Amino acid sequence: MNYDRAATRLAFGGLVRRLETDLGAQCEFEQDTQDSSEYGRARVPAEATVCGTRIVVCVSTFGSLAELRAANPGAYFGTDDAREEGALDPADLATVEQALAELGYVSVPEVADSRK
């Protein structure tokens, strides 16, 4: 598989702009993480979500995988746990997942390691 840094950067920039448009708030982001399997993270601010919990989208350098997380990585036992505890609203998640799908990303929920 050939890694195309420029294409990944463009796709990630498009994702950040899409999240900002769809959720009506400026997202913090970091990208091109050195020595990591993660290309970048986009953070939807807590103020832009129904439950007041920040949504973090982590994009992999391997293909177009994107993992959804609540608050911070590992803050919950996973995306489902955060939703069950009332930290994530299903409509907010659907908005993010729709943006990911329409931009060609494969969305995977965070699943915490139960051995921690």
Protein backbone atom coordinates (compact mmCIF):
# COMPACT_ATOMS: atom_id res chain seq x y z
CA MET A 1 0.00 0.00 0.00
CA ASN A 2 1.37 3.40 -0.96
CA TYR A 3 0.91 6.12 1.61
CA ASP A 4 0.04 9.47 0.07
CA ARG A 5 0.70 12.14 2.71
CA ALA A 6 -0.72 14.96 0.56
CA ALA A 7 -3.99 13.10 -0.08
CA THR A 8 -4.29 12.21 3.60
CA ARG A 9 -3.72 15.86 4.57
CA LEU A 10 -6.37 17.07 2.10
CA ALA A 11 -8.89 14.48 3.27
CA PHE A 12 -8.29 15.32 6.92
CA GLY A 13 -8.66 19.05 6.24
CA GLY A 14 -11.96 18.32 4.51
CA LEU A 15 -13.11 16.31 7.50
CA VAL A 16 -12.32 19.13 9.93
CA ARG A 17 -14.17 21.67 7.77
CA ARG A 18 -17.15 19.32 7.44
CA LEU A 19 -17.37 18.76 11.20
CA GLU A 20 -17.17 22.50 11.81
CA THR A 21 -19.97 23.14 9.31
CA ASP A 22 -22.23 20.31 10.46
CA LEU A 23 -21.82 20.99 14.18
CA GLY A 24 -21.53 24.77 13.99
CA ALA A 25 -18.32 25.14 15.96
CA GLN A 26 -14.62 25.49 15.34
CA CYS A 27 -12.79 22.21 15.95
CA GLU A 28 -9.32 21.94 17.42
CA PHE A 29 -7.13 19.55 15.50
CA GLU A 30 -3.64 18.19 15.23
CA GLN A 31 -2.30 16.35 12.23
CA ASP A 32 0.66 14.58 10.72
CA THR A 33 1.65 13.02 14.03
CA GLN A 34 5.23 11.84 13.79
CA ASP A 35 6.05 8.19 14.57
CA SER A 36 2.42 7.24 15.07
CA SER A 37 -0.20 5.13 13.35
CA GLU A 38 -2.57 8.02 13.93
CA TYR A 39 -2.48 10.74 11.28
CA GLY A 40 -4.49 13.26 13.26
CA ARG A 41 -7.26 14.15 15.68
CA ALA A 42 -10.19 16.48 15.32
CA ARG A 43 -11.93 17.60 18.49
CA VAL A 44 -15.53 18.74 18.41
CA PRO A 45 -15.87 21.10 21.40
CA ALA A 46 -18.16 20.15 24.26
CA GLU A 47 -20.22 23.32 23.72
CA ALA A 48 -21.22 22.04 20.26
CA THR A 49 -22.68 18.76 21.54
CA VAL A 50 -26.06 18.04 23.10
CA CYS A 51 -24.59 16.33 26.18
CA GLY A 52 -21.71 18.76 26.66
CA THR A 53 -19.02 16.14 26.03
CA ARG A 54 -16.26 16.69 23.51
CA ILE A 55 -16.18 14.23 20.60
CA VAL A 56 -12.73 13.21 19.39
CA VAL A 57 -12.23 11.73 15.91
CA CYS A 58 -8.89 9.98 15.45
CA VAL A 59 -7.86 9.31 11.86
CA SER A 60 -5.42 6.52 11.04
CA THR A 61 -2.54 6.73 8.61
CA PHE A 62 -3.59 3.26 7.44
CA GLY A 63 -6.28 3.71 4.86
CA SER A 64 -9.29 5.67 5.89
CA LEU A 65 -10.09 4.38 9.38
CA ALA A 66 -11.51 6.85 11.89
CA GLU A 67 -12.21 6.10 15.53
CA LEU A 68 -14.82 8.03 17.51
CA ARG A 69 -14.15 8.75 21.17
CA ALA A 70 -15.86 10.66 23.95
CA ALA A 71 -13.97 13.33 25.89
CA ASN A 72 -10.45 11.85 25.69
CA PRO A 73 -9.10 8.47 24.61
CA GLY A 74 -9.82 5.98 27.38
CA ALA A 75 -12.18 8.27 29.31
CA TYR A 76 -14.90 5.64 28.92
CA PHE A 77 -14.86 1.90 28.28
CA GLY A 78 -15.81 2.76 24.72
CA THR A 79 -18.17 4.80 22.60
CA ASP A 80 -21.14 2.62 23.54
CA ASP A 81 -20.34 3.05 27.24
CA ALA A 82 -20.19 6.83 26.87
CA ARG A 83 -23.54 6.84 25.08
CA GLU A 84 -25.14 4.61 27.73
CA GLU A 85 -23.84 6.91 30.48
CA GLY A 86 -25.42 9.91 28.75
CA ALA A 87 -22.11 11.50 27.72
CA LEU A 88 -22.77 11.19 23.97
CA ASP A 89 -25.97 12.00 22.16
CA PRO A 90 -27.00 9.59 19.37
CA ALA A 91 -27.82 12.54 17.06
CA ASP A 92 -24.33 14.03 17.52
CA LEU A 93 -22.76 10.65 16.81
CA ALA A 94 -24.94 10.22 13.74
CA THR A 95 -23.85 13.63 12.44
CA VAL A 96 -20.18 12.74 12.84
CA GLU A 97 -20.63 9.25 11.41
CA GLN A 98 -22.50 10.61 8.39
CA ALA A 99 -19.69 13.09 7.69
CA LEU A 100 -17.13 10.30 7.95
CA ALA A 101 -19.07 8.00 5.64
CA GLU A 102 -19.70 10.68 3.02
CA LEU A 103 -15.99 11.59 3.02
CA GLY A 104 -14.94 7.96 2.53
CA TYR A 105 -13.83 7.12 6.07
CA VAL A 106 -14.67 3.87 7.81
CA SER A 107 -15.91 4.72 11.30
CA VAL A 108 -15.04 2.43 14.19
CA PRO A 109 -16.18 3.01 17.77
CA GLU A 110 -13.66 3.21 20.57
CA VAL A 111 -13.43 -0.05 22.48
CA ALA A 112 -11.38 0.21 25.65
CA ASP A 113 -9.10 -2.57 26.73
CA SER A 114 -10.97 -4.39 29.51
CA ARG A 115 -7.66 -5.58 30.96
CA LYS A 116 -6.80 -2.11 32.31
